[in-house]
Amino acid sequence: MYPVVTKVQVLPPYGLRLTFTDGTSGDIDFRARLYQRETGVFAELRDPVLFAKVWVDHEAETIVWPNGADVAPERLYEEAHKSMVRR
């Protein structure tokens, strides 16, 4: 089982810094995900105002947006650890 997200910080325009239950943090650039398709919940997040409304859903143990977009917590952990933030 992977550690889950405890905190999310937006890094404008389309980046996120995530902190996990194991105390690690990492950054994810969401641009590629937002432009994979012309339509859909991730395409809607091209609006930087909507993108910035992300929050941690502690029940789902992941991040979510008001339009229903979310990402599997395991994937977030793997992607964030490609660019870990050293403390």
PDB file of N, CA and C in Angstrom:
ATOM      1  N   MET A   1       0.834  -1.182   0.000  1.00  0.00           N
ATOM      2  CA  MET A   1       0.000   0.000   0.000  1.00  0.00           C
ATOM      3  C   MET A   1       0.877   1.244   0.000  1.00  0.00           C
ATOM      4  N   TYR A   2       0.534   2.185  -0.841  1.00  0.00           N
ATOM      5  CA  TYR A   2       1.264   3.433  -0.962  1.00  0.00           C
ATOM      6  C   TYR A   2       0.838   4.426   0.114  1.00  0.00           C
ATOM      7  N   PRO A   3       1.753   5.317   0.500  1.00  0.00           N
ATOM      8  CA  PRO A   3       1.334   6.454   1.333  1.00  0.00           C
ATOM      9  C   PRO A   3       0.348   7.305   0.531  1.00  0.00           C
ATOM     10  N   VAL A   4      -0.512   8.040   1.220  1.00  0.00           N
ATOM     11  CA  VAL A   4      -1.524   8.851   0.550  1.00  0.00           C
ATOM     12  C   VAL A   4      -1.253  10.334   0.765  1.00  0.00           C
ATOM     13  N   VAL A   5      -1.894  11.156  -0.050  1.00  0.00           N
ATOM     14  CA  VAL A   5      -1.709  12.603  -0.024  1.00  0.00           C
ATOM     15  C   VAL A   5      -2.314  13.192   1.244  1.00  0.00           C
ATOM     16  N   THR A   6      -1.549  14.074   1.888  1.00  0.00           N
ATOM     17  CA  THR A   6      -2.058  14.795   3.056  1.00  0.00           C
ATOM     18  C   THR A   6      -2.198  16.287   2.780  1.00  0.00           C
ATOM     19  N   LYS A   7      -1.471  16.781   1.761  1.00  0.00           N
ATOM     20  CA  LYS A   7      -1.488  18.213   1.466  1.00  0.00           C
ATOM     21  C   LYS A   7      -1.223  18.422  -0.024  1.00  0.00           C
ATOM     22  N   VAL A   8      -1.891  19.424  -0.596  1.00  0.00           N
ATOM     23  CA  VAL A   8      -1.656  19.793  -1.991  1.00  0.00           C
ATOM     24  C   VAL A   8      -1.470  21.297  -2.075  1.00  0.00           C
ATOM     25  N   GLN A   9      -0.483  21.695  -2.850  1.00  0.00           N
ATOM     26  CA  GLN A   9      -0.218  23.113  -3.096  1.00  0.00           C
ATOM     27  C   GLN A   9      -0.125  23.305  -4.605  1.00  0.00           C
ATOM     28  N   VAL A  10      -0.836  24.304  -5.120  1.00  0.00           N
ATOM     29  CA  VAL A  10      -0.816  24.581  -6.560  1.00  0.00           C
ATOM     30  C   VAL A  10       0.439  25.364  -6.898  1.00  0.00           C
ATOM     31  N   LEU A  11       1.120  24.931  -7.961  1.00  0.00           N
ATOM     32  CA  LEU A  11       2.285  25.619  -8.509  1.00  0.00           C
ATOM     33  C   LEU A  11       1.875  26.113  -9.895  1.00  0.00           C
ATOM     34  N   PRO A  12       1.358  27.337  -9.986  1.00  0.00           N
ATOM     35  CA  PRO A  12       0.785  27.831 -11.246  1.00  0.00           C
ATOM     36  C   PRO A  12       1.743  27.705 -12.430  1.00  0.00           C
ATOM     37  N   PRO A  13       1.227  27.462 -13.645  1.00  0.00           N
ATOM     38  CA  PRO A  13      -0.206  27.368 -13.903  1.00  0.00           C
ATOM     39  C   PRO A  13      -0.777  25.963 -13.698  1.00  0.00           C
ATOM     40  N   TYR A  14       0.015  24.884 -13.960  1.00  0.00           N
ATOM     41  CA  TYR A  14      -0.547  23.532 -13.921  1.00  0.00           C
ATOM     42  C   TYR A  14       0.309  22.536 -13.151  1.00  0.00           C
ATOM     43  N   GLY A  15       0.947  22.990 -12.117  1.00  0.00           N
ATOM     44  CA  GLY A  15       1.759  22.101 -11.302  1.00  0.00           C
ATOM     45  C   GLY A  15       1.168  21.937  -9.918  1.00  0.00           C
ATOM     46  N   LEU A  16       1.536  20.826  -9.272  1.00  0.00           N
ATOM     47  CA  LEU A  16       1.101  20.570  -7.903  1.00  0.00           C
ATOM     48  C   LEU A  16       2.279  20.073  -7.086  1.00  0.00           C
ATOM     49  N   ARG A  17       2.367  20.527  -5.858  1.00  0.00           N
ATOM     50  CA  ARG A  17       3.300  19.961  -4.888  1.00  0.00           C
ATOM     51  C   ARG A  17       2.468  19.158  -3.910  1.00  0.00           C
ATOM     52  N   LEU A  18       2.783  17.872  -3.802  1.00  0.00           N
ATOM     53  CA  LEU A  18       2.026  16.964  -2.953  1.00  0.00           C
ATOM     54  C   LEU A  18       2.879  16.510  -1.782  1.00  0.00           C
ATOM     55  N   THR A  19       2.256  16.421  -0.605  1.00  0.00           N
ATOM     56  CA  THR A  19       2.897  15.879   0.586  1.00  0.00           C
ATOM     57  C   THR A  19       2.135  14.608   0.967  1.00  0.00           C
ATOM     58  N   PHE A  20       2.867  13.578   1.383  1.00  0.00           N
ATOM     59  CA  PHE A  20       2.293  12.265   1.646  1.00  0.00           C
ATOM     60  C   PHE A  20       2.431  11.864   3.114  1.00  0.00           C
ATOM     61  N   THR A  21       1.685  10.833   3.493  1.00  0.00           N
ATOM     62  CA  THR A  21       1.673  10.380   4.882  1.00  0.00           C
ATOM     63  C   THR A  21       3.036   9.886   5.362  1.00  0.00           C
ATOM     64  N   ASP A  22       3.946   9.566   4.461  1.00  0.00           N
ATOM     65  CA  ASP A  22       5.285   9.143   4.882  1.00  0.00           C
ATOM     66  C   ASP A  22       6.230  10.333   5.049  1.00  0.00           C
ATOM     67  N   GLY A  23       5.691  11.565   4.908  1.00  0.00           N
ATOM     68  CA  GLY A  23       6.489  12.774   5.110  1.00  0.00           C
ATOM     69  C   GLY A  23       7.218  13.265   3.883  1.00  0.00           C
ATOM     70  N   THR A  24       7.145  12.545   2.770  1.00  0.00           N
ATOM     71  CA  THR A  24       7.810  12.974   1.548  1.00  0.00           C
ATOM     72  C   THR A  24       6.925  13.936   0.766  1.00  0.00           C
ATOM     73  N   SER A  25       7.568  14.721  -0.105  1.00  0.00           N
ATOM     74  CA  SER A  25       6.861  15.650  -0.984  1.00  0.00           C
ATOM     75  C   SER A  25       7.460  15.562  -2.373  1.00  0.00           C
ATOM     76  N   GLY A  26       6.643  15.867  -3.364  1.00  0.00           N
ATOM     77  CA  GLY A  26       7.124  15.891  -4.735  1.00  0.00           C
ATOM     78  C   GLY A  26       6.209  16.734  -5.596  1.00  0.00           C
ATOM     79  N   ASP A  27       6.741  17.157  -6.730  1.00  0.00           N
ATOM     80  CA  ASP A  27       6.002  18.017  -7.649  1.00  0.00           C
ATOM     81  C   ASP A  27       5.560  17.218  -8.874  1.00  0.00           C
ATOM     82  N   ILE A  28       4.377  17.569  -9.374  1.00  0.00           N
ATOM     83  CA  ILE A  28       3.850  16.960 -10.599  1.00  0.00           C
ATOM     84  C   ILE A  28       3.426  18.074 -11.544  1.00  0.00           C
ATOM     85  N   ASP A  29       3.843  17.977 -12.801  1.00  0.00           N
ATOM     86  CA  ASP A  29       3.408  18.894 -13.855  1.00  0.00           C
ATOM     87  C   ASP A  29       2.250  18.215 -14.574  1.00  0.00           C
ATOM     88  N   PHE A  30       1.066  18.825 -14.513  1.00  0.00           N
ATOM     89  CA  PHE A  30      -0.139  18.224 -15.085  1.00  0.00           C
ATOM     90  C   PHE A  30      -0.397  18.616 -16.528  1.00  0.00           C
ATOM     91  N   ARG A  31       0.440  19.429 -17.151  1.00  0.00           N
ATOM     92  CA  ARG A  31       0.150  19.900 -18.509  1.00  0.00           C
ATOM     93  C   ARG A  31      -0.118  18.777 -19.496  1.00  0.00           C
ATOM     94  N   ALA A  32       0.710  17.756 -19.503  1.00  0.00           N
ATOM     95  CA  ALA A  32       0.527  16.661 -20.468  1.00  0.00           C
ATOM     96  C   ALA A  32      -0.836  15.992 -20.282  1.00  0.00           C
ATOM     97  N   ARG A  33      -1.233  15.768 -19.047  1.00  0.00           N
ATOM     98  CA  ARG A  33      -2.518  15.130 -18.771  1.00  0.00           C
ATOM     99  C   ARG A  33      -3.682  16.004 -19.246  1.00  0.00           C
ATOM    100  N   LEU A  34      -3.549  17.315 -19.109  1.00  0.00           N
ATOM    101  CA  LEU A  34      -4.628  18.232 -19.483  1.00  0.00           C
ATOM    102  C   LEU A  34      -4.825  18.317 -20.992  1.00  0.00           C
ATOM    103  N   TYR A  35      -3.763  18.031 -21.734  1.00  0.00           N
ATOM    104  CA  TYR A  35      -3.836  18.184 -23.195  1.00  0.00           C
ATOM    105  C   TYR A  35      -3.859  16.847 -23.942  1.00  0.00           C
ATOM    106  N   GLN A  36      -4.067  15.746 -23.239  1.00  0.00           N
ATOM    107  CA  GLN A  36      -4.141  14.435 -23.890  1.00  0.00           C
ATOM    108  C   GLN A  36      -5.393  14.292 -24.753  1.00  0.00           C
ATOM    109  N   ARG A  37      -6.477  14.907 -24.313  1.00  0.00           N
ATOM    110  CA  ARG A  37      -7.746  14.797 -25.041  1.00  0.00           C
ATOM    111  C   ARG A  37      -8.347  16.179 -25.216  1.00  0.00           C
ATOM    112  N   GLU A  38      -9.204  16.307 -26.204  1.00  0.00           N
ATOM    113  CA  GLU A  38      -9.857  17.595 -26.467  1.00  0.00           C
ATOM    114  C   GLU A  38     -10.991  17.882 -25.496  1.00  0.00           C
ATOM    115  N   THR A  39     -11.614  16.831 -24.968  1.00  0.00           N
ATOM    116  CA  THR A  39     -12.746  17.015 -24.059  1.00  0.00           C
ATOM    117  C   THR A  39     -12.560  16.121 -22.835  1.00  0.00           C
ATOM    118  N   GLY A  40     -13.411  16.325 -21.840  1.00  0.00           N
ATOM    119  CA  GLY A  40     -13.372  15.487 -20.646  1.00  0.00           C
ATOM    120  C   GLY A  40     -12.984  16.284 -19.417  1.00  0.00           C
ATOM    121  N   VAL A  41     -13.005  15.602 -18.268  1.00  0.00           N
ATOM    122  CA  VAL A  41     -12.780  16.307 -17.008  1.00  0.00           C
ATOM    123  C   VAL A  41     -11.385  16.916 -16.910  1.00  0.00           C
ATOM    124  N   PHE A  42     -10.377  16.262 -17.460  1.00  0.00           N
ATOM    125  CA  PHE A  42      -9.037  16.852 -17.388  1.00  0.00           C
ATOM    126  C   PHE A  42      -8.880  18.007 -18.364  1.00  0.00           C
ATOM    127  N   ALA A  43      -9.515  17.939 -19.523  1.00  0.00           N
ATOM    128  CA  ALA A  43      -9.472  19.063 -20.465  1.00  0.00           C
ATOM    129  C   ALA A  43     -10.101  20.309 -19.833  1.00  0.00           C
ATOM    130  N   GLU A  44     -11.131  20.117 -19.030  1.00  0.00           N
ATOM    131  CA  GLU A  44     -11.766  21.249 -18.347  1.00  0.00           C
ATOM    132  C   GLU A  44     -10.798  21.963 -17.402  1.00  0.00           C
ATOM    133  N   LEU A  45      -9.810  21.237 -16.892  1.00  0.00           N
ATOM    134  CA  LEU A  45      -8.848  21.810 -15.941  1.00  0.00           C
ATOM    135  C   LEU A  45      -7.806  22.702 -16.607  1.00  0.00           C
ATOM    136  N   ARG A  46      -7.909  22.887 -17.920  1.00  0.00           N
ATOM    137  CA  ARG A  46      -7.032  23.854 -18.586  1.00  0.00           C
ATOM    138  C   ARG A  46      -7.333  25.267 -18.112  1.00  0.00           C
ATOM    139  N   ASP A  47      -8.510  25.472 -17.564  1.00  0.00           N
ATOM    140  CA  ASP A  47      -8.860  26.750 -16.955  1.00  0.00           C
ATOM    141  C   ASP A  47      -8.066  26.841 -15.649  1.00  0.00           C
ATOM    142  N   PRO A  48      -7.073  27.736 -15.570  1.00  0.00           N
ATOM    143  CA  PRO A  48      -6.226  27.803 -14.375  1.00  0.00           C
ATOM    144  C   PRO A  48      -7.002  28.085 -13.087  1.00  0.00           C
ATOM    145  N   VAL A  49      -8.119  28.789 -13.192  1.00  0.00           N
ATOM    146  CA  VAL A  49      -8.932  29.071 -12.001  1.00  0.00           C
ATOM    147  C   VAL A  49      -9.536  27.768 -11.467  1.00  0.00           C
ATOM    148  N   LEU A  50     -10.068  26.937 -12.359  1.00  0.00           N
ATOM    149  CA  LEU A  50     -10.616  25.642 -11.946  1.00  0.00           C
ATOM    150  C   LEU A  50      -9.498  24.730 -11.453  1.00  0.00           C
ATOM    151  N   PHE A  51      -8.375  24.701 -12.162  1.00  0.00           N
ATOM    152  CA  PHE A  51      -7.258  23.851 -11.753  1.00  0.00           C
ATOM    153  C   PHE A  51      -6.834  24.167 -10.319  1.00  0.00           C
ATOM    154  N   ALA A  52      -6.827  25.438  -9.962  1.00  0.00           N
ATOM    155  CA  ALA A  52      -6.374  25.876  -8.636  1.00  0.00           C
ATOM    156  C   ALA A  52      -7.342  25.512  -7.519  1.00  0.00           C
ATOM    157  N   LYS A  53      -8.516  24.995  -7.848  1.00  0.00           N
ATOM    158  CA  LYS A  53      -9.512  24.628  -6.829  1.00  0.00           C
ATOM    159  C   LYS A  53      -9.350  23.182  -6.344  1.00  0.00           C
ATOM    160  N   VAL A  54      -8.214  22.585  -6.592  1.00  0.00           N
ATOM    161  CA  VAL A  54      -7.937  21.215  -6.158  1.00  0.00           C
ATOM    162  C   VAL A  54      -7.893  21.138  -4.629  1.00  0.00           C
ATOM    163  N   TRP A  55      -8.305  19.992  -4.089  1.00  0.00           N
ATOM    164  CA  TRP A  55      -8.203  19.775  -2.646  1.00  0.00           C
ATOM    165  C   TRP A  55      -7.950  18.299  -2.379  1.00  0.00           C
ATOM    166  N   VAL A  56      -7.557  18.000  -1.146  1.00  0.00           N
ATOM    167  CA  VAL A  56      -7.343  16.616  -0.729  1.00  0.00           C
ATOM    168  C   VAL A  56      -8.663  16.064  -0.201  1.00  0.00           C
ATOM    169  N   ASP A  57      -9.112  14.970  -0.787  1.00  0.00           N
ATOM    170  CA  ASP A  57     -10.280  14.250  -0.300  1.00  0.00           C
ATOM    171  C   ASP A  57      -9.744  13.127   0.584  1.00  0.00           C
ATOM    172  N   HIS A  58      -9.838  13.311   1.891  1.00  0.00           N
ATOM    173  CA  HIS A  58      -9.239  12.351   2.824  1.00  0.00           C
ATOM    174  C   HIS A  58      -9.961  11.001   2.821  1.00  0.00           C
ATOM    175  N   GLU A  59     -11.234  10.986   2.482  1.00  0.00           N
ATOM    176  CA  GLU A  59     -11.954   9.709   2.380  1.00  0.00           C
ATOM    177  C   GLU A  59     -11.459   8.901   1.188  1.00  0.00           C
ATOM    178  N   ALA A  60     -11.318   9.565   0.058  1.00  0.00           N
ATOM    179  CA  ALA A  60     -10.855   8.898  -1.159  1.00  0.00           C
ATOM    180  C   ALA A  60      -9.339   8.732  -1.168  1.00  0.00           C
ATOM    181  N   GLU A  61      -8.654   9.428  -0.267  1.00  0.00           N
ATOM    182  CA  GLU A  61      -7.193   9.379  -0.136  1.00  0.00           C
ATOM    183  C   GLU A  61      -6.476   9.829  -1.394  1.00  0.00           C
ATOM    184  N   THR A  62      -7.032  10.883  -2.030  1.00  0.00           N
ATOM    185  CA  THR A  62      -6.417  11.432  -3.229  1.00  0.00           C
ATOM    186  C   THR A  62      -6.827  12.893  -3.385  1.00  0.00           C
ATOM    187  N   ILE A  63      -6.410  13.497  -4.479  1.00  0.00           N
ATOM    188  CA  ILE A  63      -6.799  14.870  -4.777  1.00  0.00           C
ATOM    189  C   ILE A  63      -7.982  14.866  -5.733  1.00  0.00           C
ATOM    190  N   VAL A  64      -8.831  15.879  -5.622  1.00  0.00           N
ATOM    191  CA  VAL A  64      -9.999  15.987  -6.493  1.00  0.00           C
ATOM    192  C   VAL A  64     -10.232  17.447  -6.859  1.00  0.00           C
ATOM    193  N   TRP A  65     -10.983  17.643  -7.921  1.00  0.00           N
ATOM    194  CA  TRP A  65     -11.386  18.975  -8.373  1.00  0.00           C
ATOM    195  C   TRP A  65     -12.903  19.053  -8.355  1.00  0.00           C
ATOM    196  N   PRO A  66     -13.449  20.273  -8.362  1.00  0.00           N
ATOM    197  CA  PRO A  66     -14.903  20.433  -8.325  1.00  0.00           C
ATOM    198  C   PRO A  66     -15.646  19.759  -9.483  1.00  0.00           C
ATOM    199  N   ASN A  67     -14.982  19.547 -10.614  1.00  0.00           N
ATOM    200  CA  ASN A  67     -15.648  18.920 -11.763  1.00  0.00           C
ATOM    201  C   ASN A  67     -15.621  17.389 -11.702  1.00  0.00           C
ATOM    202  N   GLY A  68     -15.088  16.831 -10.616  1.00  0.00           N
ATOM    203  CA  GLY A  68     -15.056  15.379 -10.450  1.00  0.00           C
ATOM    204  C   GLY A  68     -13.765  14.712 -10.874  1.00  0.00           C
ATOM    205  N   ALA A  69     -12.826  15.445 -11.435  1.00  0.00           N
ATOM    206  CA  ALA A  69     -11.545  14.860 -11.830  1.00  0.00           C
ATOM    207  C   ALA A  69     -10.781  14.419 -10.589  1.00  0.00           C
ATOM    208  N   ASP A  70     -10.137  13.275 -10.685  1.00  0.00           N
ATOM    209  CA  ASP A  70      -9.258  12.794  -9.621  1.00  0.00           C
ATOM    210  C   ASP A  70      -8.202  11.883 -10.236  1.00  0.00           C
ATOM    211  N   VAL A  71      -7.224  11.524  -9.428  1.00  0.00           N
ATOM    212  CA  VAL A  71      -6.134  10.675  -9.904  1.00  0.00           C
ATOM    213  C   VAL A  71      -5.887   9.612  -8.844  1.00  0.00           C
ATOM    214  N   ALA A  72      -5.619   8.384  -9.273  1.00  0.00           N
ATOM    215  CA  ALA A  72      -5.345   7.292  -8.335  1.00  0.00           C
ATOM    216  C   ALA A  72      -4.171   7.675  -7.426  1.00  0.00           C
ATOM    217  N   PRO A  73      -4.309   7.449  -6.120  1.00  0.00           N
ATOM    218  CA  PRO A  73      -3.251   7.842  -5.195  1.00  0.00           C
ATOM    219  C   PRO A  73      -1.909   7.171  -5.480  1.00  0.00           C
ATOM    220  N   GLU A  74      -1.929   5.940  -5.970  1.00  0.00           N
ATOM    221  CA  GLU A  74      -0.678   5.248  -6.291  1.00  0.00           C
ATOM    222  C   GLU A  74       0.073   5.964  -7.409  1.00  0.00           C
ATOM    223  N   ARG A  75      -0.681   6.403  -8.393  1.00  0.00           N
ATOM    224  CA  ARG A  75      -0.074   7.111  -9.524  1.00  0.00           C
ATOM    225  C   ARG A  75       0.510   8.447  -9.075  1.00  0.00           C
ATOM    226  N   LEU A  76      -0.215   9.156  -8.204  1.00  0.00           N
ATOM    227  CA  LEU A  76       0.290  10.424  -7.679  1.00  0.00           C
ATOM    228  C   LEU A  76       1.611  10.208  -6.953  1.00  0.00           C
ATOM    229  N   TYR A  77       1.676   9.179  -6.131  1.00  0.00           N
ATOM    230  CA  TYR A  77       2.895   8.903  -5.363  1.00  0.00           C
ATOM    231  C   TYR A  77       4.063   8.602  -6.303  1.00  0.00           C
ATOM    232  N   GLU A  78       3.818   7.762  -7.299  1.00  0.00           N
ATOM    233  CA  GLU A  78       4.879   7.407  -8.247  1.00  0.00           C
ATOM    234  C   GLU A  78       5.358   8.631  -9.025  1.00  0.00           C
ATOM    235  N   GLU A  79       4.421   9.430  -9.536  1.00  0.00           N
ATOM    236  CA  GLU A  79       4.795  10.606 -10.321  1.00  0.00           C
ATOM    237  C   GLU A  79       5.501  11.655  -9.469  1.00  0.00           C
ATOM    238  N   ALA A  80       5.016  11.880  -8.272  1.00  0.00           N
ATOM    239  CA  ALA A  80       5.608  12.890  -7.393  1.00  0.00           C
ATOM    240  C   ALA A  80       7.019  12.504  -6.976  1.00  0.00           C
ATOM    241  N   HIS A  81       7.292  11.221  -6.899  1.00  0.00           N
ATOM    242  CA  HIS A  81       8.614  10.784  -6.456  1.00  0.00           C
ATOM    243  C   HIS A  81       9.648  10.773  -7.575  1.00  0.00           C
ATOM    244  N   LYS A  82       9.225  11.105  -8.762  1.00  0.00           N
ATOM    245  CA  LYS A  82      10.189  11.308  -9.841  1.00  0.00           C
ATOM    246  C   LYS A  82      10.919  12.637  -9.633  1.00  0.00           C
ATOM    247  N   SER A  83      10.283  13.545  -8.889  1.00  0.00           N
ATOM    248  CA  SER A  83      10.884  14.856  -8.614  1.00  0.00           C
ATOM    249  C   SER A  83      10.689  15.213  -7.138  1.00  0.00           C
ATOM    250  N   MET A  84      11.246  14.404  -6.273  1.00  0.00           N
ATOM    251  CA  MET A  84      11.054  14.616  -4.838  1.00  0.00           C
ATOM    252  C   MET A  84      11.628  15.951  -4.384  1.00  0.00           C
ATOM    253  N   VAL A  85      10.948  16.552  -3.440  1.00  0.00           N
ATOM    254  CA  VAL A  85      11.398  17.791  -2.817  1.00  0.00           C
ATOM    255  C   VAL A  85      12.152  17.398  -1.555  1.00  0.00           C
ATOM    256  N   ARG A  86      13.387  17.756  -1.487  1.00  0.00           N
ATOM    257  CA  ARG A  86      14.208  17.426  -0.301  1.00  0.00           C
ATOM    258  C   ARG A  86      13.951  18.433   0.792  1.00  0.00           C
ATOM    259  N   ARG A  87      13.818  17.973   1.999  1.00  0.00           N
ATOM    260  CA  ARG A  87      13.602  18.856   3.157  1.00  0.00           C
ATOM    261  C   ARG A  87      14.823  18.856   4.036  1.00  0.00           C
TER     262      ARG A  87
END
